[in-house]
Amino acid sequence: MARLILFNKPFDVLSQFTDAGSPTPRATLSDYIDVPGVYPAGRLDRDSEGLMLLTDDGRLQARIADPKFKMGKTYLAQVEGDVDEAAITALAKGVMLKDGMTRPALARRIDPPELWDRVPPVRYRKSVPDSWIELTIHEGRNRQVRRMTAAVGFPTLRLVRWRIGDWSLEGIAPGTWSEG
């Protein structure tokens, strides 16, 4: 039976178990997960938070991580500015990035979600409003959501991956995990 771990990765944690060669030690998965034989199914940037799946089953790992299986990944993105319908429409249709056009996404503006406080907190500017977007993508390019929101004029301030396929962060506190 395959083992599956749902982990809520905090901000500033690497999505790998070691940080070999770094002059200053950085937090890794091994600081939170002491389960032998499991490996991340995909990555999540150090400056992003949220759901990571880890498994001991290579086929499951590939099915989760490989874009050809079109497993949706849903992100909650706090963006700089008051996001408008034109930006949401552009995100939904696909956005031209330096490495090509993104696939269409599910995009909508949402009310600020009830999330944990981020450490360190997001830098707020009184003169610039912010808003929240829920974005579901079916590919996994490097820093894709951040690049997509920037391409439509709304840079990402905070990014939380909330769901991968049918698995979600519901009930999992930052830095903790549960069996899937």
N, C-alpha and C. Protein backbone atom coordinates (compact mmCIF):
# COMPACT_ATOMS: atom_id res chain seq x y z
N MET A 1 0.85 -1.19 0.00
CA MET A 1 0.00 0.00 0.00
C MET A 1 0.89 1.24 0.00
N ALA A 2 0.64 2.13 -0.93
CA ALA A 2 1.44 3.36 -1.04
C ALA A 2 1.17 4.26 0.15
N ARG A 3 2.22 4.91 0.59
CA ARG A 3 2.10 5.88 1.67
C ARG A 3 2.04 7.26 1.05
N LEU A 4 1.10 8.09 1.53
CA LEU A 4 0.95 9.45 1.03
C LEU A 4 0.86 10.40 2.21
N ILE A 5 1.70 11.42 2.17
CA ILE A 5 1.73 12.43 3.23
C ILE A 5 1.33 13.77 2.64
N LEU A 6 0.40 14.45 3.32
CA LEU A 6 -0.01 15.80 2.96
C LEU A 6 0.66 16.74 3.95
N PHE A 7 1.52 17.61 3.45
CA PHE A 7 2.32 18.50 4.29
C PHE A 7 1.99 19.95 3.97
N ASN A 8 1.81 20.76 5.02
CA ASN A 8 1.60 22.19 4.85
C ASN A 8 2.95 22.87 5.02
N LYS A 9 3.62 23.12 3.89
CA LYS A 9 4.97 23.70 3.90
C LYS A 9 4.91 25.18 4.28
N PRO A 10 5.62 25.54 5.34
CA PRO A 10 5.68 26.97 5.70
C PRO A 10 6.53 27.77 4.72
N PHE A 11 6.36 29.07 4.75
CA PHE A 11 7.20 30.01 4.01
C PHE A 11 8.66 29.79 4.40
N ASP A 12 9.58 29.94 3.45
CA ASP A 12 11.02 29.89 3.67
C ASP A 12 11.56 28.49 3.99
N VAL A 13 10.84 27.46 3.58
CA VAL A 13 11.30 26.08 3.74
C VAL A 13 11.53 25.51 2.35
N LEU A 14 12.68 24.85 2.16
CA LEU A 14 12.97 24.22 0.87
C LEU A 14 12.13 22.97 0.70
N SER A 15 11.71 22.67 -0.52
CA SER A 15 10.87 21.50 -0.77
C SER A 15 11.73 20.27 -1.10
N GLN A 16 12.77 20.09 -0.31
CA GLN A 16 13.66 18.94 -0.42
C GLN A 16 14.15 18.60 0.98
N PHE A 17 14.76 17.42 1.12
CA PHE A 17 15.16 16.95 2.45
C PHE A 17 16.55 17.42 2.88
N THR A 18 17.38 17.87 1.95
CA THR A 18 18.72 18.34 2.30
C THR A 18 18.99 19.69 1.67
N ASP A 19 19.98 20.37 2.21
CA ASP A 19 20.42 21.65 1.67
C ASP A 19 21.93 21.62 1.56
N ALA A 20 22.44 20.63 0.86
CA ALA A 20 23.88 20.44 0.73
C ALA A 20 24.52 21.62 -0.01
N GLY A 21 25.64 22.05 0.51
CA GLY A 21 26.41 23.08 -0.15
C GLY A 21 26.02 24.51 0.18
N SER A 22 24.99 24.71 0.95
CA SER A 22 24.60 26.07 1.30
C SER A 22 25.51 26.59 2.41
N PRO A 23 26.05 27.80 2.27
CA PRO A 23 26.94 28.34 3.31
C PRO A 23 26.21 28.57 4.64
N THR A 24 24.92 28.89 4.56
CA THR A 24 24.13 29.05 5.78
C THR A 24 22.98 28.06 5.72
N PRO A 25 22.78 27.28 6.77
CA PRO A 25 21.72 26.26 6.74
C PRO A 25 20.33 26.88 6.56
N ARG A 26 19.54 26.22 5.73
CA ARG A 26 18.16 26.65 5.50
C ARG A 26 17.24 25.51 5.90
N ALA A 27 16.01 25.86 6.28
CA ALA A 27 15.04 24.85 6.68
C ALA A 27 14.67 23.98 5.48
N THR A 28 14.54 22.67 5.72
CA THR A 28 14.17 21.71 4.69
C THR A 28 13.03 20.83 5.20
N LEU A 29 12.55 19.94 4.35
CA LEU A 29 11.51 19.00 4.74
C LEU A 29 11.92 18.14 5.93
N SER A 30 13.22 17.84 6.03
CA SER A 30 13.68 16.98 7.14
C SER A 30 13.50 17.65 8.51
N ASP A 31 13.31 18.95 8.54
CA ASP A 31 13.04 19.63 9.81
C ASP A 31 11.60 19.38 10.28
N TYR A 32 10.76 18.85 9.39
CA TYR A 32 9.34 18.67 9.71
C TYR A 32 8.84 17.24 9.55
N ILE A 33 9.49 16.47 8.67
CA ILE A 33 9.00 15.13 8.34
C ILE A 33 10.10 14.11 8.57
N ASP A 34 9.87 13.20 9.50
CA ASP A 34 10.83 12.14 9.80
C ASP A 34 10.20 10.79 9.45
N VAL A 35 9.94 10.62 8.15
CA VAL A 35 9.33 9.40 7.65
C VAL A 35 10.27 8.85 6.57
N PRO A 36 10.86 7.68 6.80
CA PRO A 36 11.79 7.16 5.81
C PRO A 36 11.10 6.73 4.51
N GLY A 37 11.79 6.95 3.39
CA GLY A 37 11.34 6.43 2.11
C GLY A 37 10.31 7.23 1.36
N VAL A 38 9.92 8.40 1.85
CA VAL A 38 8.97 9.23 1.11
C VAL A 38 9.71 10.38 0.43
N TYR A 39 9.18 10.76 -0.74
CA TYR A 39 9.81 11.82 -1.52
C TYR A 39 8.74 12.75 -2.06
N PRO A 40 9.10 14.04 -2.25
CA PRO A 40 8.10 14.99 -2.74
C PRO A 40 7.62 14.66 -4.15
N ALA A 41 6.34 14.79 -4.37
CA ALA A 41 5.74 14.66 -5.70
C ALA A 41 5.57 16.09 -6.22
N GLY A 42 6.63 16.64 -6.77
CA GLY A 42 6.63 18.02 -7.22
C GLY A 42 7.31 18.93 -6.21
N ARG A 43 7.41 20.18 -6.59
CA ARG A 43 8.12 21.16 -5.77
C ARG A 43 7.19 22.33 -5.44
N LEU A 44 7.62 23.09 -4.46
CA LEU A 44 6.94 24.34 -4.10
C LEU A 44 8.04 25.30 -3.72
N ASP A 45 8.07 26.45 -4.36
CA ASP A 45 9.15 27.41 -4.12
C ASP A 45 9.31 27.75 -2.65
N ARG A 46 10.52 28.10 -2.29
CA ARG A 46 10.85 28.46 -0.91
C ARG A 46 9.98 29.60 -0.39
N ASP A 47 9.65 30.55 -1.27
CA ASP A 47 8.85 31.70 -0.83
C ASP A 47 7.35 31.49 -1.01
N SER A 48 6.95 30.25 -1.28
CA SER A 48 5.53 29.90 -1.34
C SER A 48 5.20 28.98 -0.18
N GLU A 49 3.92 28.91 0.14
CA GLU A 49 3.45 28.10 1.27
C GLU A 49 2.44 27.10 0.76
N GLY A 50 2.14 26.11 1.62
CA GLY A 50 1.00 25.29 1.32
C GLY A 50 1.28 23.84 1.05
N LEU A 51 0.34 23.22 0.35
CA LEU A 51 0.28 21.77 0.20
C LEU A 51 1.41 21.20 -0.63
N MET A 52 2.08 20.23 -0.03
CA MET A 52 3.03 19.37 -0.73
C MET A 52 2.60 17.94 -0.47
N LEU A 53 2.70 17.10 -1.49
CA LEU A 53 2.42 15.68 -1.33
C LEU A 53 3.74 14.92 -1.39
N LEU A 54 3.91 13.98 -0.47
CA LEU A 54 5.09 13.13 -0.45
C LEU A 54 4.61 11.68 -0.44
N THR A 55 5.32 10.83 -1.17
CA THR A 55 4.92 9.44 -1.25
C THR A 55 6.13 8.53 -1.39
N ASP A 56 5.90 7.24 -1.10
CA ASP A 56 6.94 6.24 -1.29
C ASP A 56 6.68 5.44 -2.58
N ASP A 57 5.69 5.84 -3.36
CA ASP A 57 5.29 5.14 -4.58
C ASP A 57 5.70 5.97 -5.79
N GLY A 58 6.69 5.49 -6.53
CA GLY A 58 7.22 6.23 -7.68
C GLY A 58 6.18 6.50 -8.75
N ARG A 59 5.28 5.54 -9.01
CA ARG A 59 4.25 5.74 -10.03
C ARG A 59 3.26 6.82 -9.59
N LEU A 60 2.87 6.80 -8.33
CA LEU A 60 1.98 7.83 -7.80
C LEU A 60 2.67 9.19 -7.84
N GLN A 61 3.94 9.22 -7.47
CA GLN A 61 4.72 10.45 -7.50
C GLN A 61 4.72 11.05 -8.90
N ALA A 62 4.95 10.23 -9.91
CA ALA A 62 4.97 10.70 -11.30
C ALA A 62 3.59 11.18 -11.73
N ARG A 63 2.53 10.47 -11.33
CA ARG A 63 1.17 10.85 -11.73
C ARG A 63 0.78 12.20 -11.13
N ILE A 64 1.25 12.47 -9.91
CA ILE A 64 0.95 13.74 -9.26
C ILE A 64 1.73 14.88 -9.91
N ALA A 65 3.01 14.64 -10.17
CA ALA A 65 3.90 15.72 -10.60
C ALA A 65 3.88 15.99 -12.11
N ASP A 66 3.60 14.99 -12.92
CA ASP A 66 3.72 15.13 -14.36
C ASP A 66 2.51 15.85 -14.96
N PRO A 67 2.75 16.99 -15.66
CA PRO A 67 1.64 17.76 -16.23
C PRO A 67 0.80 16.98 -17.24
N LYS A 68 1.33 15.91 -17.83
CA LYS A 68 0.54 15.18 -18.83
C LYS A 68 -0.69 14.52 -18.21
N PHE A 69 -0.70 14.35 -16.88
CA PHE A 69 -1.87 13.77 -16.21
C PHE A 69 -2.89 14.84 -15.84
N LYS A 70 -2.54 16.11 -16.09
CA LYS A 70 -3.46 17.25 -15.92
C LYS A 70 -4.11 17.33 -14.54
N MET A 71 -3.36 16.98 -13.50
CA MET A 71 -3.89 17.10 -12.15
C MET A 71 -3.89 18.58 -11.76
N GLY A 72 -5.06 19.11 -11.46
CA GLY A 72 -5.18 20.52 -11.13
C GLY A 72 -4.51 20.87 -9.82
N LYS A 73 -3.88 22.03 -9.80
CA LYS A 73 -3.26 22.57 -8.59
C LYS A 73 -3.88 23.94 -8.35
N THR A 74 -4.50 24.09 -7.19
CA THR A 74 -5.20 25.33 -6.87
C THR A 74 -4.39 26.17 -5.90
N TYR A 75 -4.22 27.43 -6.26
CA TYR A 75 -3.44 28.37 -5.46
C TYR A 75 -4.32 29.53 -5.02
N LEU A 76 -4.03 30.04 -3.84
CA LEU A 76 -4.62 31.29 -3.36
C LEU A 76 -3.49 32.31 -3.42
N ALA A 77 -3.69 33.34 -4.21
CA ALA A 77 -2.63 34.33 -4.43
C ALA A 77 -3.11 35.70 -3.97
N GLN A 78 -2.36 36.27 -3.05
CA GLN A 78 -2.58 37.66 -2.66
C GLN A 78 -1.75 38.49 -3.61
N VAL A 79 -2.41 39.39 -4.33
CA VAL A 79 -1.71 40.18 -5.33
C VAL A 79 -1.75 41.66 -4.99
N GLU A 80 -0.76 42.36 -5.52
CA GLU A 80 -0.69 43.81 -5.33
C GLU A 80 -1.65 44.47 -6.31
N GLY A 81 -2.52 45.31 -5.78
CA GLY A 81 -3.47 46.02 -6.61
C GLY A 81 -4.87 45.44 -6.48
N ASP A 82 -5.82 46.17 -7.04
CA ASP A 82 -7.23 45.78 -7.00
C ASP A 82 -7.53 45.04 -8.31
N VAL A 83 -7.41 43.72 -8.27
CA VAL A 83 -7.49 42.91 -9.49
C VAL A 83 -8.84 43.12 -10.17
N ASP A 84 -8.78 43.27 -11.50
CA ASP A 84 -10.00 43.55 -12.26
C ASP A 84 -10.41 42.34 -13.10
N GLU A 85 -11.59 42.46 -13.69
CA GLU A 85 -12.15 41.35 -14.48
C GLU A 85 -11.31 41.05 -15.71
N ALA A 86 -10.68 42.07 -16.29
CA ALA A 86 -9.83 41.86 -17.47
C ALA A 86 -8.65 40.95 -17.13
N ALA A 87 -8.07 41.13 -15.95
CA ALA A 87 -6.95 40.28 -15.52
C ALA A 87 -7.43 38.85 -15.28
N ILE A 88 -8.58 38.70 -14.65
CA ILE A 88 -9.14 37.36 -14.40
C ILE A 88 -9.41 36.65 -15.72
N THR A 89 -9.99 37.36 -16.68
CA THR A 89 -10.27 36.78 -17.99
C THR A 89 -8.98 36.36 -18.69
N ALA A 90 -7.96 37.20 -18.62
CA ALA A 90 -6.67 36.87 -19.24
C ALA A 90 -6.06 35.63 -18.61
N LEU A 91 -6.10 35.54 -17.28
CA LEU A 91 -5.56 34.36 -16.59
C LEU A 91 -6.31 33.11 -17.01
N ALA A 92 -7.63 33.23 -17.15
CA ALA A 92 -8.46 32.09 -17.52
C ALA A 92 -8.17 31.61 -18.95
N LYS A 93 -7.88 32.53 -19.84
CA LYS A 93 -7.62 32.16 -21.24
C LYS A 93 -6.21 31.63 -21.45
N GLY A 94 -5.28 32.03 -20.59
CA GLY A 94 -3.87 31.70 -20.76
C GLY A 94 -3.08 32.98 -20.97
N VAL A 95 -1.88 32.99 -20.48
CA VAL A 95 -1.05 34.20 -20.48
C VAL A 95 0.26 33.90 -21.22
N MET A 96 0.72 34.83 -22.01
CA MET A 96 2.01 34.67 -22.70
C MET A 96 3.14 35.00 -21.72
N LEU A 97 3.99 34.01 -21.50
CA LEU A 97 5.18 34.18 -20.66
C LEU A 97 6.42 34.04 -21.55
N LYS A 98 7.59 34.31 -21.02
CA LYS A 98 8.82 34.20 -21.82
C LYS A 98 9.00 32.80 -22.40
N ASP A 99 8.50 31.78 -21.70
CA ASP A 99 8.65 30.40 -22.18
C ASP A 99 7.40 29.89 -22.89
N GLY A 100 6.54 30.81 -23.34
CA GLY A 100 5.38 30.43 -24.13
C GLY A 100 4.06 30.67 -23.42
N MET A 101 3.00 30.34 -24.12
CA MET A 101 1.64 30.55 -23.63
C MET A 101 1.31 29.49 -22.57
N THR A 102 0.66 29.94 -21.50
CA THR A 102 0.21 28.99 -20.49
C THR A 102 -1.11 28.36 -20.96
N ARG A 103 -1.42 27.22 -20.40
CA ARG A 103 -2.71 26.60 -20.67
C ARG A 103 -3.80 27.44 -20.00
N PRO A 104 -5.02 27.34 -20.47
CA PRO A 104 -6.12 28.02 -19.78
C PRO A 104 -6.18 27.56 -18.31
N ALA A 105 -6.61 28.47 -17.46
CA ALA A 105 -6.69 28.18 -16.02
C ALA A 105 -8.09 28.54 -15.53
N LEU A 106 -8.44 28.01 -14.38
CA LEU A 106 -9.64 28.47 -13.69
C LEU A 106 -9.21 29.62 -12.80
N ALA A 107 -9.82 30.77 -12.97
CA ALA A 107 -9.40 31.95 -12.22
C ALA A 107 -10.62 32.71 -11.73
N ARG A 108 -10.53 33.18 -10.51
CA ARG A 108 -11.60 34.03 -9.98
C ARG A 108 -11.06 34.85 -8.83
N ARG A 109 -11.64 36.02 -8.67
CA ARG A 109 -11.31 36.87 -7.53
C ARG A 109 -12.06 36.30 -6.32
N ILE A 110 -11.41 36.30 -5.15
CA ILE A 110 -12.04 35.79 -3.94
C ILE A 110 -11.86 36.80 -2.81
N ASP A 111 -12.69 36.66 -1.78
CA ASP A 111 -12.50 37.44 -0.56
C ASP A 111 -11.23 36.94 0.12
N PRO A 112 -10.60 37.78 0.95
CA PRO A 112 -9.41 37.31 1.66
C PRO A 112 -9.72 36.02 2.44
N PRO A 113 -8.97 34.94 2.19
CA PRO A 113 -9.25 33.68 2.88
C PRO A 113 -8.79 33.74 4.33
N GLU A 114 -9.36 32.88 5.14
CA GLU A 114 -8.93 32.77 6.54
C GLU A 114 -7.73 31.84 6.59
N LEU A 115 -6.54 32.44 6.63
CA LEU A 115 -5.29 31.69 6.66
C LEU A 115 -4.53 32.02 7.93
N TRP A 116 -3.54 31.23 8.21
CA TRP A 116 -2.61 31.47 9.29
C TRP A 116 -1.77 32.71 8.97
N ASP A 117 -1.20 33.32 10.01
CA ASP A 117 -0.29 34.44 9.79
C ASP A 117 0.99 33.91 9.17
N ARG A 118 1.52 34.64 8.21
CA ARG A 118 2.79 34.25 7.60
C ARG A 118 3.93 34.84 8.40
N VAL A 119 4.99 34.06 8.56
CA VAL A 119 6.19 34.54 9.24
C VAL A 119 7.35 34.46 8.26
N PRO A 120 7.94 35.62 7.89
CA PRO A 120 7.57 36.98 8.26
C PRO A 120 6.31 37.41 7.52
N PRO A 121 5.64 38.44 8.04
CA PRO A 121 4.41 38.90 7.39
C PRO A 121 4.69 39.51 6.02
N VAL A 122 3.66 39.54 5.19
CA VAL A 122 3.74 40.19 3.89
C VAL A 122 3.90 41.69 4.14
N ARG A 123 4.74 42.33 3.32
CA ARG A 123 4.97 43.77 3.44
C ARG A 123 3.77 44.50 2.85
N TYR A 124 3.12 45.28 3.66
CA TYR A 124 1.95 46.04 3.20
C TYR A 124 2.35 47.49 2.94
N ARG A 125 1.71 48.07 1.92
CA ARG A 125 1.90 49.49 1.63
C ARG A 125 0.54 50.14 1.68
N LYS A 126 0.40 51.15 2.52
CA LYS A 126 -0.89 51.81 2.69
C LYS A 126 -1.42 52.41 1.39
N SER A 127 -0.52 52.83 0.52
CA SER A 127 -0.94 53.51 -0.71
C SER A 127 -1.31 52.53 -1.84
N VAL A 128 -1.05 51.23 -1.65
CA VAL A 128 -1.33 50.26 -2.69
C VAL A 128 -2.26 49.18 -2.13
N PRO A 129 -3.46 49.03 -2.70
CA PRO A 129 -4.37 47.99 -2.21
C PRO A 129 -3.88 46.61 -2.62
N ASP A 130 -4.46 45.59 -2.03
CA ASP A 130 -4.18 44.24 -2.46
C ASP A 130 -5.50 43.49 -2.57
N SER A 131 -5.47 42.36 -3.26
CA SER A 131 -6.66 41.53 -3.43
C SER A 131 -6.22 40.08 -3.57
N TRP A 132 -7.20 39.17 -3.60
CA TRP A 132 -6.91 37.74 -3.64
C TRP A 132 -7.53 37.10 -4.88
N ILE A 133 -6.79 36.14 -5.43
CA ILE A 133 -7.21 35.37 -6.60
C ILE A 133 -7.11 33.89 -6.24
N GLU A 134 -8.08 33.11 -6.69
CA GLU A 134 -7.96 31.65 -6.66
C GLU A 134 -7.66 31.22 -8.09
N LEU A 135 -6.58 30.48 -8.28
CA LEU A 135 -6.13 30.10 -9.61
C LEU A 135 -5.83 28.61 -9.63
N THR A 136 -6.45 27.88 -10.55
CA THR A 136 -6.18 26.45 -10.72
C THR A 136 -5.51 26.25 -12.07
N ILE A 137 -4.30 25.69 -12.02
CA ILE A 137 -3.53 25.44 -13.23
C ILE A 137 -3.35 23.93 -13.41
N HIS A 138 -3.02 23.53 -14.64
CA HIS A 138 -2.83 22.11 -14.95
C HIS A 138 -1.46 21.85 -15.56
N GLU A 139 -0.53 22.68 -15.21
CA GLU A 139 0.86 22.50 -15.62
C GLU A 139 1.72 22.98 -14.47
N GLY A 140 3.01 22.90 -14.56
CA GLY A 140 3.83 23.26 -13.42
C GLY A 140 5.15 23.90 -13.81
N ARG A 141 5.08 24.98 -14.53
CA ARG A 141 6.31 25.68 -14.90
C ARG A 141 6.91 26.37 -13.68
N ASN A 142 8.19 26.66 -13.78
CA ASN A 142 8.90 27.32 -12.69
C ASN A 142 8.24 28.67 -12.37
N ARG A 143 7.84 28.83 -11.12
CA ARG A 143 7.25 30.07 -10.62
C ARG A 143 6.08 30.55 -11.48
N GLN A 144 5.32 29.62 -12.00
CA GLN A 144 4.29 29.93 -12.99
C GLN A 144 3.22 30.88 -12.48
N VAL A 145 2.65 30.64 -11.32
CA VAL A 145 1.56 31.50 -10.84
C VAL A 145 2.07 32.92 -10.63
N ARG A 146 3.23 33.06 -10.03
CA ARG A 146 3.81 34.40 -9.83
C ARG A 146 4.02 35.11 -11.16
N ARG A 147 4.53 34.38 -12.15
CA ARG A 147 4.77 35.00 -13.46
C ARG A 147 3.46 35.34 -14.16
N MET A 148 2.44 34.49 -13.98
CA MET A 148 1.14 34.77 -14.60
C MET A 148 0.51 36.03 -14.02
N THR A 149 0.49 36.15 -12.70
CA THR A 149 -0.15 37.33 -12.11
C THR A 149 0.62 38.60 -12.46
N ALA A 150 1.94 38.50 -12.51
CA ALA A 150 2.75 39.67 -12.90
C ALA A 150 2.47 40.05 -14.36
N ALA A 151 2.29 39.05 -15.22
CA ALA A 151 2.04 39.31 -16.64
C ALA A 151 0.74 40.07 -16.88
N VAL A 152 -0.23 39.92 -15.97
CA VAL A 152 -1.49 40.64 -16.12
C VAL A 152 -1.52 41.90 -15.25
N GLY A 153 -0.36 42.27 -14.68
CA GLY A 153 -0.24 43.54 -13.98
C GLY A 153 -0.48 43.51 -12.48
N PHE A 154 -0.51 42.31 -11.89
CA PHE A 154 -0.78 42.20 -10.46
C PHE A 154 0.24 41.25 -9.80
N PRO A 155 1.40 41.78 -9.39
CA PRO A 155 2.43 40.93 -8.80
C PRO A 155 1.94 40.22 -7.53
N THR A 156 2.40 39.00 -7.37
CA THR A 156 2.01 38.19 -6.21
C THR A 156 2.78 38.62 -4.97
N LEU A 157 2.05 38.81 -3.88
CA LEU A 157 2.65 39.13 -2.58
C LEU A 157 2.78 37.88 -1.71
N ARG A 158 1.77 37.02 -1.77
CA ARG A 158 1.74 35.80 -0.97
C ARG A 158 1.10 34.71 -1.82
N LEU A 159 1.68 33.51 -1.77
CA LEU A 159 1.17 32.42 -2.59
C LEU A 159 1.04 31.17 -1.74
N VAL A 160 -0.18 30.62 -1.70
CA VAL A 160 -0.47 29.42 -0.92
C VAL A 160 -1.09 28.38 -1.85
N ARG A 161 -0.43 27.22 -1.97
CA ARG A 161 -1.05 26.13 -2.73
C ARG A 161 -2.03 25.43 -1.81
N TRP A 162 -3.31 25.46 -2.19
CA TRP A 162 -4.37 24.96 -1.33
C TRP A 162 -4.78 23.53 -1.68
N ARG A 163 -4.70 23.17 -2.96
CA ARG A 163 -5.21 21.87 -3.38
C ARG A 163 -4.36 21.30 -4.52
N ILE A 164 -4.20 19.98 -4.50
CA ILE A 164 -3.62 19.23 -5.62
C ILE A 164 -4.59 18.10 -5.89
N GLY A 165 -5.21 18.11 -7.07
CA GLY A 165 -6.22 17.09 -7.36
C GLY A 165 -7.32 17.13 -6.31
N ASP A 166 -7.59 15.99 -5.68
CA ASP A 166 -8.62 15.90 -4.64
C ASP A 166 -8.09 16.16 -3.23
N TRP A 167 -6.78 16.34 -3.08
CA TRP A 167 -6.18 16.54 -1.76
C TRP A 167 -6.10 18.03 -1.45
N SER A 168 -6.43 18.41 -0.22
CA SER A 168 -6.36 19.82 0.15
C SER A 168 -5.70 20.00 1.52
N LEU A 169 -5.45 21.26 1.82
CA LEU A 169 -4.83 21.64 3.10
C LEU A 169 -5.82 21.67 4.25
N GLU A 170 -7.07 21.46 3.97
CA GLU A 170 -8.12 21.57 4.99
C GLU A 170 -7.71 20.86 6.28
N GLY A 171 -7.62 21.62 7.37
CA GLY A 171 -7.32 21.05 8.68
C GLY A 171 -5.86 20.75 8.97
N ILE A 172 -4.95 21.13 8.08
CA ILE A 172 -3.52 20.87 8.30
C ILE A 172 -2.82 22.19 8.58
N ALA A 173 -2.32 22.34 9.79
CA ALA A 173 -1.66 23.59 10.21
C ALA A 173 -0.27 23.69 9.55
N PRO A 174 0.26 24.90 9.38
CA PRO A 174 1.59 25.07 8.81
C PRO A 174 2.63 24.28 9.60
N GLY A 175 3.51 23.61 8.86
CA GLY A 175 4.58 22.84 9.48
C GLY A 175 4.14 21.47 9.99
N THR A 176 2.89 21.09 9.72
CA THR A 176 2.41 19.77 10.15
C THR A 176 1.96 18.97 8.92
N TRP A 177 1.74 17.68 9.13
CA TRP A 177 1.33 16.82 8.04
C TRP A 177 0.34 15.78 8.51
N SER A 178 -0.34 15.19 7.55
CA SER A 178 -1.25 14.08 7.86
C SER A 178 -1.12 13.04 6.77
N GLU A 179 -1.59 11.84 7.08
CA GLU A 179 -1.58 10.75 6.09
C GLU A 179 -2.77 10.95 5.16
N GLY A 180 -2.53 10.72 3.86
CA GLY A 180 -3.59 10.91 2.87
C GLY A 180 -4.35 9.64 2.59
